Amino acid sequence: MRNKLIILTFALALCGVSLAQGVTDRSQEAQISIYPNPAVEFIMIQVDGNFSNAEFEMTSMIGNKLQIKPEEMGAGKYKIQVKDLATGYYFLIVKDEEKRFKKAFKFLKN
């Protein structure tokens, strides 16, 4: 498992994605919060700041991409269903191509 995490971290670094240990990023005049963590049925993403085209990707701990459908709740708030995912750790990648921003957040699905 440790080797897979090292490989995934290296792969994310090659793609230009930084791995955040916490669930809040205050860089580039924006604040991104992901809650609840651990999640059971859904996660909420709050994007405060000047992100105009926020996009989301989700991967498993070993790097498999998952299909997600973010539901916009208004005012920079998004909801993603996770109730059908297996228990474990996942990465949510928040990116904005226009701002050249890309960051991964780790969360636990119970």
PDB file of N, CA and C in Angstrom:
ATOM      1  N   MET A   1       0.831  -1.190   0.000  1.00  0.00           N
ATOM      2  CA  MET A   1       0.000   0.000   0.000  1.00  0.00           C
ATOM      3  C   MET A   1       0.873   1.250   0.000  1.00  0.00           C
ATOM      4  N   ARG A   2       1.956   1.238   0.766  1.00  0.00           N
ATOM      5  CA  ARG A   2       2.840   2.398   0.844  1.00  0.00           C
ATOM      6  C   ARG A   2       3.468   2.685  -0.521  1.00  0.00           C
ATOM      7  N   ASN A   3       3.851   1.621  -1.244  1.00  0.00           N
ATOM      8  CA  ASN A   3       4.444   1.809  -2.571  1.00  0.00           C
ATOM      9  C   ASN A   3       3.447   2.447  -3.537  1.00  0.00           C
ATOM     10  N   LYS A   4       2.171   2.036  -3.434  1.00  0.00           N
ATOM     11  CA  LYS A   4       1.149   2.605  -4.309  1.00  0.00           C
ATOM     12  C   LYS A   4       0.960   4.088  -4.013  1.00  0.00           C
ATOM     13  N   LEU A   5       1.015   4.457  -2.725  1.00  0.00           N
ATOM     14  CA  LEU A   5       0.866   5.862  -2.350  1.00  0.00           C
ATOM     15  C   LEU A   5       2.040   6.677  -2.873  1.00  0.00           C
ATOM     16  N   ILE A   6       3.243   6.133  -2.794  1.00  0.00           N
ATOM     17  CA  ILE A   6       4.420   6.830  -3.302  1.00  0.00           C
ATOM     18  C   ILE A   6       4.311   7.019  -4.811  1.00  0.00           C
ATOM     19  N   ILE A   7       3.888   5.973  -5.515  1.00  0.00           N
ATOM     20  CA  ILE A   7       3.726   6.052  -6.968  1.00  0.00           C
ATOM     21  C   ILE A   7       2.665   7.076  -7.333  1.00  0.00           C
ATOM     22  N   LEU A   8       1.533   7.069  -6.605  1.00  0.00           N
ATOM     23  CA  LEU A   8       0.458   8.017  -6.885  1.00  0.00           C
ATOM     24  C   LEU A   8       0.917   9.446  -6.634  1.00  0.00           C
ATOM     25  N   THR A   9       1.620   9.679  -5.546  1.00  0.00           N
ATOM     26  CA  THR A   9       2.116  11.014  -5.235  1.00  0.00           C
ATOM     27  C   THR A   9       3.072  11.485  -6.327  1.00  0.00           C
ATOM     28  N   PHE A  10       3.951  10.596  -6.782  1.00  0.00           N
ATOM     29  CA  PHE A  10       4.887  10.932  -7.848  1.00  0.00           C
ATOM     30  C   PHE A  10       4.138  11.235  -9.152  1.00  0.00           C
ATOM     31  N   ALA A  11       3.118  10.421  -9.460  1.00  0.00           N
ATOM     32  CA  ALA A  11       2.338  10.637 -10.683  1.00  0.00           C
ATOM     33  C   ALA A  11       1.600  11.966 -10.629  1.00  0.00           C
ATOM     34  N   LEU A  12       1.024  12.296  -9.478  1.00  0.00           N
ATOM     35  CA  LEU A  12       0.334  13.576  -9.343  1.00  0.00           C
ATOM     36  C   LEU A  12       1.315  14.738  -9.496  1.00  0.00           C
ATOM     37  N   ALA A  13       2.520  14.582  -8.955  1.00  0.00           N
ATOM     38  CA  ALA A  13       3.530  15.635  -9.077  1.00  0.00           C
ATOM     39  C   ALA A  13       3.931  15.834 -10.538  1.00  0.00           C
ATOM     40  N   LEU A  14       4.052  14.748 -11.285  1.00  0.00           N
ATOM     41  CA  LEU A  14       4.390  14.852 -12.702  1.00  0.00           C
ATOM     42  C   LEU A  14       3.308  15.573 -13.491  1.00  0.00           C
ATOM     43  N   CYS A  15       2.059  15.406 -13.060  1.00  0.00           N
ATOM     44  CA  CYS A  15       0.938  16.050 -13.753  1.00  0.00           C
ATOM     45  C   CYS A  15       0.741  17.493 -13.299  1.00  0.00           C
ATOM     46  N   GLY A  16       1.545  17.941 -12.349  1.00  0.00           N
ATOM     47  CA  GLY A  16       1.413  19.310 -11.868  1.00  0.00           C
ATOM     48  C   GLY A  16       0.369  19.478 -10.795  1.00  0.00           C
ATOM     49  N   VAL A  17      -0.011  18.391 -10.134  1.00  0.00           N
ATOM     50  CA  VAL A  17      -1.009  18.446  -9.076  1.00  0.00           C
ATOM     51  C   VAL A  17      -0.290  18.363  -7.745  1.00  0.00           C
ATOM     52  N   SER A  18      -0.575  19.307  -6.866  1.00  0.00           N
ATOM     53  CA  SER A  18       0.006  19.230  -5.530  1.00  0.00           C
ATOM     54  C   SER A  18      -0.954  18.473  -4.633  1.00  0.00           C
ATOM     55  N   LEU A  19      -0.415  17.748  -3.666  1.00  0.00           N
ATOM     56  CA  LEU A  19      -1.216  16.910  -2.778  1.00  0.00           C
ATOM     57  C   LEU A  19      -1.376  17.622  -1.457  1.00  0.00           C
ATOM     58  N   ALA A  20      -2.607  18.011  -1.141  1.00  0.00           N
ATOM     59  CA  ALA A  20      -2.871  18.714   0.105  1.00  0.00           C
ATOM     60  C   ALA A  20      -3.210  17.717   1.194  1.00  0.00           C
ATOM     61  N   GLN A  21      -2.587  17.847   2.347  1.00  0.00           N
ATOM     62  CA  GLN A  21      -2.887  16.969   3.467  1.00  0.00           C
ATOM     63  C   GLN A  21      -4.162  17.411   4.173  1.00  0.00           C
ATOM     64  N   GLY A  22      -4.412  18.686   4.218  1.00  0.00           N
ATOM     65  CA  GLY A  22      -5.607  19.200   4.854  1.00  0.00           C
ATOM     66  C   GLY A  22      -6.756  19.261   3.879  1.00  0.00           C
ATOM     67  N   VAL A  23      -7.818  19.919   4.292  1.00  0.00           N
ATOM     68  CA  VAL A  23      -8.963  20.032   3.406  1.00  0.00           C
ATOM     69  C   VAL A  23      -9.273  21.483   3.071  1.00  0.00           C
ATOM     70  N   THR A  24      -8.345  22.389   3.326  1.00  0.00           N
ATOM     71  CA  THR A  24      -8.554  23.792   3.011  1.00  0.00           C
ATOM     72  C   THR A  24      -7.311  24.342   2.334  1.00  0.00           C
ATOM     73  N   ASP A  25      -7.496  25.094   1.272  1.00  0.00           N
ATOM     74  CA  ASP A  25      -6.382  25.730   0.567  1.00  0.00           C
ATOM     75  C   ASP A  25      -6.654  27.221   0.507  1.00  0.00           C
ATOM     76  N   ARG A  26      -5.704  28.009   0.974  1.00  0.00           N
ATOM     77  CA  ARG A  26      -5.873  29.458   0.993  1.00  0.00           C
ATOM     78  C   ARG A  26      -4.974  30.145  -0.020  1.00  0.00           C
ATOM     79  N   SER A  27      -4.408  29.402  -0.952  1.00  0.00           N
ATOM     80  CA  SER A  27      -3.493  29.994  -1.923  1.00  0.00           C
ATOM     81  C   SER A  27      -4.268  30.642  -3.067  1.00  0.00           C
ATOM     82  N   GLN A  28      -3.568  31.486  -3.791  1.00  0.00           N
ATOM     83  CA  GLN A  28      -4.090  32.164  -4.976  1.00  0.00           C
ATOM     84  C   GLN A  28      -5.402  32.892  -4.707  1.00  0.00           C
ATOM     85  N   GLU A  29      -5.482  33.570  -3.560  1.00  0.00           N
ATOM     86  CA  GLU A  29      -6.635  34.384  -3.210  1.00  0.00           C
ATOM     87  C   GLU A  29      -7.943  33.601  -3.222  1.00  0.00           C
ATOM     88  N   ALA A  30      -7.887  32.352  -2.876  1.00  0.00           N
ATOM     89  CA  ALA A  30      -9.097  31.534  -2.840  1.00  0.00           C
ATOM     90  C   ALA A  30      -9.046  30.623  -1.631  1.00  0.00           C
ATOM     91  N   GLN A  31     -10.190  30.232  -1.173  1.00  0.00           N
ATOM     92  CA  GLN A  31     -10.286  29.280  -0.087  1.00  0.00           C
ATOM     93  C   GLN A  31     -11.185  28.148  -0.555  1.00  0.00           C
ATOM     94  N   ILE A  32     -10.673  26.929  -0.472  1.00  0.00           N
ATOM     95  CA  ILE A  32     -11.424  25.753  -0.888  1.00  0.00           C
ATOM     96  C   ILE A  32     -11.618  24.865   0.328  1.00  0.00           C
ATOM     97  N   SER A  33     -12.856  24.531   0.636  1.00  0.00           N
ATOM     98  CA  SER A  33     -13.169  23.663   1.771  1.00  0.00           C
ATOM     99  C   SER A  33     -13.947  22.459   1.276  1.00  0.00           C
ATOM    100  N   ILE A  34     -13.594  21.291   1.809  1.00  0.00           N
ATOM    101  CA  ILE A  34     -14.292  20.047   1.487  1.00  0.00           C
ATOM    102  C   ILE A  34     -14.777  19.445   2.791  1.00  0.00           C
ATOM    103  N   TYR A  35     -16.067  19.206   2.883  1.00  0.00           N
ATOM    104  CA  TYR A  35     -16.643  18.672   4.110  1.00  0.00           C
ATOM    105  C   TYR A  35     -17.884  17.869   3.769  1.00  0.00           C
ATOM    106  N   PRO A  36     -18.398  16.991   4.585  1.00  0.00           N
ATOM    107  CA  PRO A  36     -17.766  16.472   5.801  1.00  0.00           C
ATOM    108  C   PRO A  36     -16.639  15.514   5.454  1.00  0.00           C
ATOM    109  N   ASN A  37     -15.716  15.383   6.351  1.00  0.00           N
ATOM    110  CA  ASN A  37     -14.611  14.446   6.164  1.00  0.00           C
ATOM    111  C   ASN A  37     -14.377  13.743   7.490  1.00  0.00           C
ATOM    112  N   PRO A  38     -14.747  12.495   7.629  1.00  0.00           N
ATOM    113  CA  PRO A  38     -15.140  11.522   6.613  1.00  0.00           C
ATOM    114  C   PRO A  38     -16.573  11.737   6.125  1.00  0.00           C
ATOM    115  N   ALA A  39     -16.804  11.312   4.890  1.00  0.00           N
ATOM    116  CA  ALA A  39     -18.106  11.462   4.242  1.00  0.00           C
ATOM    117  C   ALA A  39     -18.832  10.126   4.199  1.00  0.00           C
ATOM    118  N   VAL A  40     -20.151  10.169   4.185  1.00  0.00           N
ATOM    119  CA  VAL A  40     -20.960   8.957   4.097  1.00  0.00           C
ATOM    120  C   VAL A  40     -21.780   8.952   2.810  1.00  0.00           C
ATOM    121  N   GLU A  41     -22.564  10.014   2.582  1.00  0.00           N
ATOM    122  CA  GLU A  41     -23.433  10.066   1.411  1.00  0.00           C
ATOM    123  C   GLU A  41     -22.971  11.062   0.358  1.00  0.00           C
ATOM    124  N   PHE A  42     -22.364  12.165   0.774  1.00  0.00           N
ATOM    125  CA  PHE A  42     -21.947  13.203  -0.164  1.00  0.00           C
ATOM    126  C   PHE A  42     -20.812  14.017   0.443  1.00  0.00           C
ATOM    127  N   ILE A  43     -20.130  14.773  -0.421  1.00  0.00           N
ATOM    128  CA  ILE A  43     -19.185  15.783   0.048  1.00  0.00           C
ATOM    129  C   ILE A  43     -19.628  17.124  -0.515  1.00  0.00           C
ATOM    130  N   MET A  44     -19.377  18.150   0.248  1.00  0.00           N
ATOM    131  CA  MET A  44     -19.666  19.512  -0.174  1.00  0.00           C
ATOM    132  C   MET A  44     -18.338  20.199  -0.437  1.00  0.00           C
ATOM    133  N   ILE A  45     -18.271  20.977  -1.498  1.00  0.00           N
ATOM    134  CA  ILE A  45     -17.080  21.733  -1.837  1.00  0.00           C
ATOM    135  C   ILE A  45     -17.473  23.196  -1.868  1.00  0.00           C
ATOM    136  N   GLN A  46     -16.795  23.997  -1.055  1.00  0.00           N
ATOM    137  CA  GLN A  46     -17.016  25.442  -1.041  1.00  0.00           C
ATOM    138  C   GLN A  46     -15.794  26.101  -1.654  1.00  0.00           C
ATOM    139  N   VAL A  47     -15.994  26.821  -2.755  1.00  0.00           N
ATOM    140  CA  VAL A  47     -14.911  27.509  -3.447  1.00  0.00           C
ATOM    141  C   VAL A  47     -15.162  29.002  -3.302  1.00  0.00           C
ATOM    142  N   ASP A  48     -14.357  29.646  -2.441  1.00  0.00           N
ATOM    143  CA  ASP A  48     -14.462  31.086  -2.253  1.00  0.00           C
ATOM    144  C   ASP A  48     -13.293  31.748  -2.960  1.00  0.00           C
ATOM    145  N   GLY A  49     -13.537  32.830  -3.614  1.00  0.00           N
ATOM    146  CA  GLY A  49     -12.457  33.533  -4.302  1.00  0.00           C
ATOM    147  C   GLY A  49     -12.829  33.815  -5.737  1.00  0.00           C
ATOM    148  N   ASN A  50     -11.811  33.890  -6.569  1.00  0.00           N
ATOM    149  CA  ASN A  50     -12.043  34.327  -7.946  1.00  0.00           C
ATOM    150  C   ASN A  50     -11.960  33.185  -8.952  1.00  0.00           C
ATOM    151  N   PHE A  51     -12.404  31.999  -8.595  1.00  0.00           N
ATOM    152  CA  PHE A  51     -12.460  30.891  -9.543  1.00  0.00           C
ATOM    153  C   PHE A  51     -13.743  31.026 -10.357  1.00  0.00           C
ATOM    154  N   SER A  52     -13.589  31.142 -11.658  1.00  0.00           N
ATOM    155  CA  SER A  52     -14.776  31.295 -12.495  1.00  0.00           C
ATOM    156  C   SER A  52     -15.174  29.976 -13.167  1.00  0.00           C
ATOM    157  N   ASN A  53     -14.215  29.088 -13.388  1.00  0.00           N
ATOM    158  CA  ASN A  53     -14.483  27.832 -14.093  1.00  0.00           C
ATOM    159  C   ASN A  53     -13.943  26.643 -13.309  1.00  0.00           C
ATOM    160  N   ALA A  54     -14.355  26.485 -12.076  1.00  0.00           N
ATOM    161  CA  ALA A  54     -13.869  25.377 -11.259  1.00  0.00           C
ATOM    162  C   ALA A  54     -14.363  24.054 -11.834  1.00  0.00           C
ATOM    163  N   GLU A  55     -13.438  23.088 -11.948  1.00  0.00           N
ATOM    164  CA  GLU A  55     -13.755  21.745 -12.422  1.00  0.00           C
ATOM    165  C   GLU A  55     -13.278  20.757 -11.372  1.00  0.00           C
ATOM    166  N   PHE A  56     -13.886  19.556 -11.380  1.00  0.00           N
ATOM    167  CA  PHE A  56     -13.565  18.559 -10.367  1.00  0.00           C
ATOM    168  C   PHE A  56     -13.305  17.206 -11.017  1.00  0.00           C
ATOM    169  N   GLU A  57     -12.318  16.494 -10.485  1.00  0.00           N
ATOM    170  CA  GLU A  57     -12.032  15.113 -10.859  1.00  0.00           C
ATOM    171  C   GLU A  57     -11.884  14.323  -9.563  1.00  0.00           C
ATOM    172  N   MET A  58     -12.236  13.053  -9.599  1.00  0.00           N
ATOM    173  CA  MET A  58     -12.062  12.217  -8.425  1.00  0.00           C
ATOM    174  C   MET A  58     -11.307  10.958  -8.826  1.00  0.00           C
ATOM    175  N   THR A  59     -10.345  10.568  -7.979  1.00  0.00           N
ATOM    176  CA  THR A  59      -9.592   9.345  -8.214  1.00  0.00           C
ATOM    177  C   THR A  59      -9.580   8.514  -6.940  1.00  0.00           C
ATOM    178  N   SER A  60      -9.421   7.212  -7.123  1.00  0.00           N
ATOM    179  CA  SER A  60      -9.236   6.334  -5.978  1.00  0.00           C
ATOM    180  C   SER A  60      -7.813   6.508  -5.474  1.00  0.00           C
ATOM    181  N   MET A  61      -7.501   5.857  -4.379  1.00  0.00           N
ATOM    182  CA  MET A  61      -6.170   5.964  -3.800  1.00  0.00           C
ATOM    183  C   MET A  61      -5.087   5.451  -4.751  1.00  0.00           C
ATOM    184  N   ILE A  62      -5.435   4.510  -5.626  1.00  0.00           N
ATOM    185  CA  ILE A  62      -4.436   3.960  -6.544  1.00  0.00           C
ATOM    186  C   ILE A  62      -4.446   4.661  -7.903  1.00  0.00           C
ATOM    187  N   GLY A  63      -5.247   5.720  -8.027  1.00  0.00           N
ATOM    188  CA  GLY A  63      -5.198   6.534  -9.232  1.00  0.00           C
ATOM    189  C   GLY A  63      -6.259   6.265 -10.272  1.00  0.00           C
ATOM    190  N   ASN A  64      -7.210   5.380  -9.999  1.00  0.00           N
ATOM    191  CA  ASN A  64      -8.297   5.130 -10.956  1.00  0.00           C
ATOM    192  C   ASN A  64      -9.257   6.311 -10.965  1.00  0.00           C
ATOM    193  N   LYS A  65      -9.546   6.848 -12.158  1.00  0.00           N
ATOM    194  CA  LYS A  65     -10.483   7.960 -12.271  1.00  0.00           C
ATOM    195  C   LYS A  65     -11.910   7.459 -12.081  1.00  0.00           C
ATOM    196  N   LEU A  66     -12.710   8.244 -11.379  1.00  0.00           N
ATOM    197  CA  LEU A  66     -14.100   7.900 -11.107  1.00  0.00           C
ATOM    198  C   LEU A  66     -15.006   8.918 -11.786  1.00  0.00           C
ATOM    199  N   GLN A  67     -16.155   8.456 -12.231  1.00  0.00           N
ATOM    200  CA  GLN A  67     -17.142   9.345 -12.841  1.00  0.00           C
ATOM    201  C   GLN A  67     -17.908  10.054 -11.727  1.00  0.00           C
ATOM    202  N   ILE A  68     -17.930  11.375 -11.776  1.00  0.00           N
ATOM    203  CA  ILE A  68     -18.678  12.151 -10.791  1.00  0.00           C
ATOM    204  C   ILE A  68     -19.526  13.180 -11.513  1.00  0.00           C
ATOM    205  N   LYS A  69     -20.586  13.596 -10.839  1.00  0.00           N
ATOM    206  CA  LYS A  69     -21.469  14.621 -11.377  1.00  0.00           C
ATOM    207  C   LYS A  69     -21.665  15.682 -10.308  1.00  0.00           C
ATOM    208  N   PRO A  70     -20.800  16.705 -10.302  1.00  0.00           N
ATOM    209  CA  PRO A  70     -20.959  17.774  -9.312  1.00  0.00           C
ATOM    210  C   PRO A  70     -22.269  18.517  -9.526  1.00  0.00           C
ATOM    211  N   GLU A  71     -22.988  18.727  -8.445  1.00  0.00           N
ATOM    212  CA  GLU A  71     -24.242  19.466  -8.491  1.00  0.00           C
ATOM    213  C   GLU A  71     -23.984  20.853  -7.925  1.00  0.00           C
ATOM    214  N   GLU A  72     -24.188  21.882  -8.740  1.00  0.00           N
ATOM    215  CA  GLU A  72     -23.937  23.247  -8.283  1.00  0.00           C
ATOM    216  C   GLU A  72     -25.071  23.683  -7.367  1.00  0.00           C
ATOM    217  N   MET A  73     -24.689  24.120  -6.169  1.00  0.00           N
ATOM    218  CA  MET A  73     -25.666  24.532  -5.172  1.00  0.00           C
ATOM    219  C   MET A  73     -25.777  26.056  -5.101  1.00  0.00           C
ATOM    220  N   GLY A  74     -24.974  26.758  -5.898  1.00  0.00           N
ATOM    221  CA  GLY A  74     -24.999  28.214  -5.924  1.00  0.00           C
ATOM    222  C   GLY A  74     -23.882  28.819  -5.093  1.00  0.00           C
ATOM    223  N   ALA A  75     -23.445  30.007  -5.479  1.00  0.00           N
ATOM    224  CA  ALA A  75     -22.445  30.796  -4.747  1.00  0.00           C
ATOM    225  C   ALA A  75     -21.165  30.017  -4.481  1.00  0.00           C
ATOM    226  N   GLY A  76     -20.646  29.309  -5.482  1.00  0.00           N
ATOM    227  CA  GLY A  76     -19.387  28.592  -5.328  1.00  0.00           C
ATOM    228  C   GLY A  76     -19.472  27.341  -4.487  1.00  0.00           C
ATOM    229  N   LYS A  77     -20.658  26.791  -4.330  1.00  0.00           N
ATOM    230  CA  LYS A  77     -20.866  25.601  -3.505  1.00  0.00           C
ATOM    231  C   LYS A  77     -21.301  24.451  -4.405  1.00  0.00           C
ATOM    232  N   TYR A  78     -20.668  23.286  -4.221  1.00  0.00           N
ATOM    233  CA  TYR A  78     -20.950  22.114  -5.039  1.00  0.00           C
ATOM    234  C   TYR A  78     -21.157  20.903  -4.148  1.00  0.00           C
ATOM    235  N   LYS A  79     -21.959  19.947  -4.648  1.00  0.00           N
ATOM    236  CA  LYS A  79     -22.248  18.716  -3.915  1.00  0.00           C
ATOM    237  C   LYS A  79     -21.949  17.539  -4.835  1.00  0.00           C
ATOM    238  N   ILE A  80     -21.219  16.543  -4.303  1.00  0.00           N
ATOM    239  CA  ILE A  80     -20.898  15.340  -5.066  1.00  0.00           C
ATOM    240  C   ILE A  80     -21.326  14.125  -4.250  1.00  0.00           C
ATOM    241  N   GLN A  81     -22.150  13.264  -4.860  1.00  0.00           N
ATOM    242  CA  GLN A  81     -22.602  12.041  -4.196  1.00  0.00           C
ATOM    243  C   GLN A  81     -21.456  11.038  -4.109  1.00  0.00           C
ATOM    244  N   VAL A  82     -21.255  10.440  -2.931  1.00  0.00           N
ATOM    245  CA  VAL A  82     -20.219   9.421  -2.748  1.00  0.00           C
ATOM    246  C   VAL A  82     -20.778   8.158  -2.092  1.00  0.00           C
ATOM    247  N   LYS A  83     -22.097   8.093  -1.913  1.00  0.00           N
ATOM    248  CA  LYS A  83     -22.695   6.970  -1.183  1.00  0.00           C
ATOM    249  C   LYS A  83     -22.464   5.622  -1.864  1.00  0.00           C
ATOM    250  N   ASP A  84     -22.259   5.590  -3.181  1.00  0.00           N
ATOM    251  CA  ASP A  84     -22.049   4.334  -3.892  1.00  0.00           C
ATOM    252  C   ASP A  84     -20.583   3.907  -3.952  1.00  0.00           C
ATOM    253  N   LEU A  85     -19.690   4.731  -3.424  1.00  0.00           N
ATOM    254  CA  LEU A  85     -18.272   4.389  -3.420  1.00  0.00           C
ATOM    255  C   LEU A  85     -17.950   3.424  -2.280  1.00  0.00           C
ATOM    256  N   ALA A  86     -16.946   2.601  -2.483  1.00  0.00           N
ATOM    257  CA  ALA A  86     -16.482   1.699  -1.434  1.00  0.00           C
ATOM    258  C   ALA A  86     -15.797   2.518  -0.339  1.00  0.00           C
ATOM    259  N   THR A  87     -15.779   1.986   0.851  1.00  0.00           N
ATOM    260  CA  THR A  87     -15.100   2.642   1.954  1.00  0.00           C
ATOM    261  C   THR A  87     -13.611   2.754   1.654  1.00  0.00           C
ATOM    262  N   GLY A  88     -13.055   3.913   1.901  1.00  0.00           N
ATOM    263  CA  GLY A  88     -11.628   4.113   1.671  1.00  0.00           C
ATOM    264  C   GLY A  88     -11.303   5.573   1.423  1.00  0.00           C
ATOM    265  N   TYR A  89     -10.040   5.830   1.108  1.00  0.00           N
ATOM    266  CA  TYR A  89      -9.575   7.185   0.822  1.00  0.00           C
ATOM    267  C   TYR A  89      -9.681   7.479  -0.671  1.00  0.00           C
ATOM    268  N   TYR A  90     -10.017   8.724  -0.967  1.00  0.00           N
ATOM    269  CA  TYR A  90     -10.156   9.196  -2.339  1.00  0.00           C
ATOM    270  C   TYR A  90      -9.520  10.575  -2.454  1.00  0.00           C
ATOM    271  N   PHE A  91      -9.200  10.967  -3.679  1.00  0.00           N
ATOM    272  CA  PHE A  91      -8.675  12.293  -3.948  1.00  0.00           C
ATOM    273  C   PHE A  91      -9.672  13.050  -4.806  1.00  0.00           C
ATOM    274  N   LEU A  92      -9.977  14.265  -4.389  1.00  0.00           N
ATOM    275  CA  LEU A  92     -10.780  15.173  -5.198  1.00  0.00           C
ATOM    276  C   LEU A  92      -9.825  16.234  -5.730  1.00  0.00           C
ATOM    277  N   ILE A  93      -9.761  16.348  -7.040  1.00  0.00           N
ATOM    278  CA  ILE A  93      -8.875  17.320  -7.681  1.00  0.00           C
ATOM    279  C   ILE A  93      -9.718  18.509  -8.113  1.00  0.00           C
ATOM    280  N   VAL A  94      -9.362  19.667  -7.609  1.00  0.00           N
ATOM    281  CA  VAL A  94     -10.039  20.913  -7.958  1.00  0.00           C
ATOM    282  C   VAL A  94      -9.108  21.659  -8.893  1.00  0.00           C
ATOM    283  N   LYS A  95      -9.658  22.079 -10.037  1.00  0.00           N
ATOM    284  CA  LYS A  95      -8.803  22.787 -10.986  1.00  0.00           C
ATOM    285  C   LYS A  95      -9.582  23.891 -11.687  1.00  0.00           C
ATOM    286  N   ASP A  96      -8.818  24.866 -12.138  1.00  0.00           N
ATOM    287  CA  ASP A  96      -9.343  25.968 -12.934  1.00  0.00           C
ATOM    288  C   ASP A  96      -8.280  26.277 -13.973  1.00  0.00           C
ATOM    289  N   GLU A  97      -8.519  25.875 -15.202  1.00  0.00           N
ATOM    290  CA  GLU A  97      -7.538  26.044 -16.274  1.00  0.00           C
ATOM    291  C   GLU A  97      -7.222  27.515 -16.520  1.00  0.00           C
ATOM    292  N   GLU A  98      -8.228  28.355 -16.420  1.00  0.00           N
ATOM    293  CA  GLU A  98      -8.040  29.779 -16.665  1.00  0.00           C
ATOM    294  C   GLU A  98      -7.074  30.398 -15.656  1.00  0.00           C
ATOM    295  N   LYS A  99      -7.151  29.984 -14.404  1.00  0.00           N
ATOM    296  CA  LYS A  99      -6.276  30.503 -13.347  1.00  0.00           C
ATOM    297  C   LYS A  99      -5.006  29.674 -13.192  1.00  0.00           C
ATOM    298  N   ARG A 100      -4.897  28.593 -13.971  1.00  0.00           N
ATOM    299  CA  ARG A 100      -3.746  27.680 -13.891  1.00  0.00           C
ATOM    300  C   ARG A 100      -3.594  27.124 -12.477  1.00  0.00           C
ATOM    301  N   PHE A 101      -4.724  26.675 -11.914  1.00  0.00           N
ATOM    302  CA  PHE A 101      -4.768  26.144 -10.564  1.00  0.00           C
ATOM    303  C   PHE A 101      -5.176  24.681 -10.621  1.00  0.00           C
ATOM    304  N   LYS A 102      -4.482  23.844  -9.839  1.00  0.00           N
ATOM    305  CA  LYS A 102      -4.823  22.432  -9.764  1.00  0.00           C
ATOM    306  C   LYS A 102      -4.310  21.905  -8.429  1.00  0.00           C
ATOM    307  N   LYS A 103      -5.197  21.341  -7.625  1.00  0.00           N
ATOM    308  CA  LYS A 103      -4.799  20.841  -6.314  1.00  0.00           C
ATOM    309  C   LYS A 103      -5.669  19.653  -5.934  1.00  0.00           C
ATOM    310  N   ALA A 104      -5.049  18.655  -5.279  1.00  0.00           N
ATOM    311  CA  ALA A 104      -5.759  17.449  -4.856  1.00  0.00           C
ATOM    312  C   ALA A 104      -6.016  17.504  -3.348  1.00  0.00           C
ATOM    313  N   PHE A 105      -7.208  17.089  -2.960  1.00  0.00           N
ATOM    314  CA  PHE A 105      -7.605  17.023  -1.557  1.00  0.00           C
ATOM    315  C   PHE A 105      -7.977  15.586  -1.232  1.00  0.00           C
ATOM    316  N   LYS A 106      -7.471  15.075  -0.126  1.00  0.00           N
ATOM    317  CA  LYS A 106      -7.755  13.696   0.281  1.00  0.00           C
ATOM    318  C   LYS A 106      -8.945  13.701   1.250  1.00  0.00           C
ATOM    319  N   PHE A 107      -9.876  12.739   1.046  1.00  0.00           N
ATOM    320  CA  PHE A 107     -10.974  12.590   1.994  1.00  0.00           C
ATOM    321  C   PHE A 107     -11.261  11.102   2.180  1.00  0.00           C
ATOM    322  N   LEU A 108     -11.920  10.796   3.288  1.00  0.00           N
ATOM    323  CA  LEU A 108     -12.273   9.430   3.638  1.00  0.00           C
ATOM    324  C   LEU A 108     -13.752   9.215   3.417  1.00  0.00           C
ATOM    325  N   LYS A 109     -14.098   8.136   2.730  1.00  0.00           N
ATOM    326  CA  LYS A 109     -15.488   7.730   2.554  1.00  0.00           C
ATOM    327  C   LYS A 109     -15.747   6.565   3.498  1.00  0.00           C
ATOM    328  N   ASN A 110     -16.654   6.751   4.448  1.00  0.00           N
ATOM    329  CA  ASN A 110     -17.028   5.676   5.393  1.00  0.00           C
ATOM    330  C   ASN A 110     -18.139   4.840   4.855  1.00  0.00           C
TER     331      ASN A 110
END
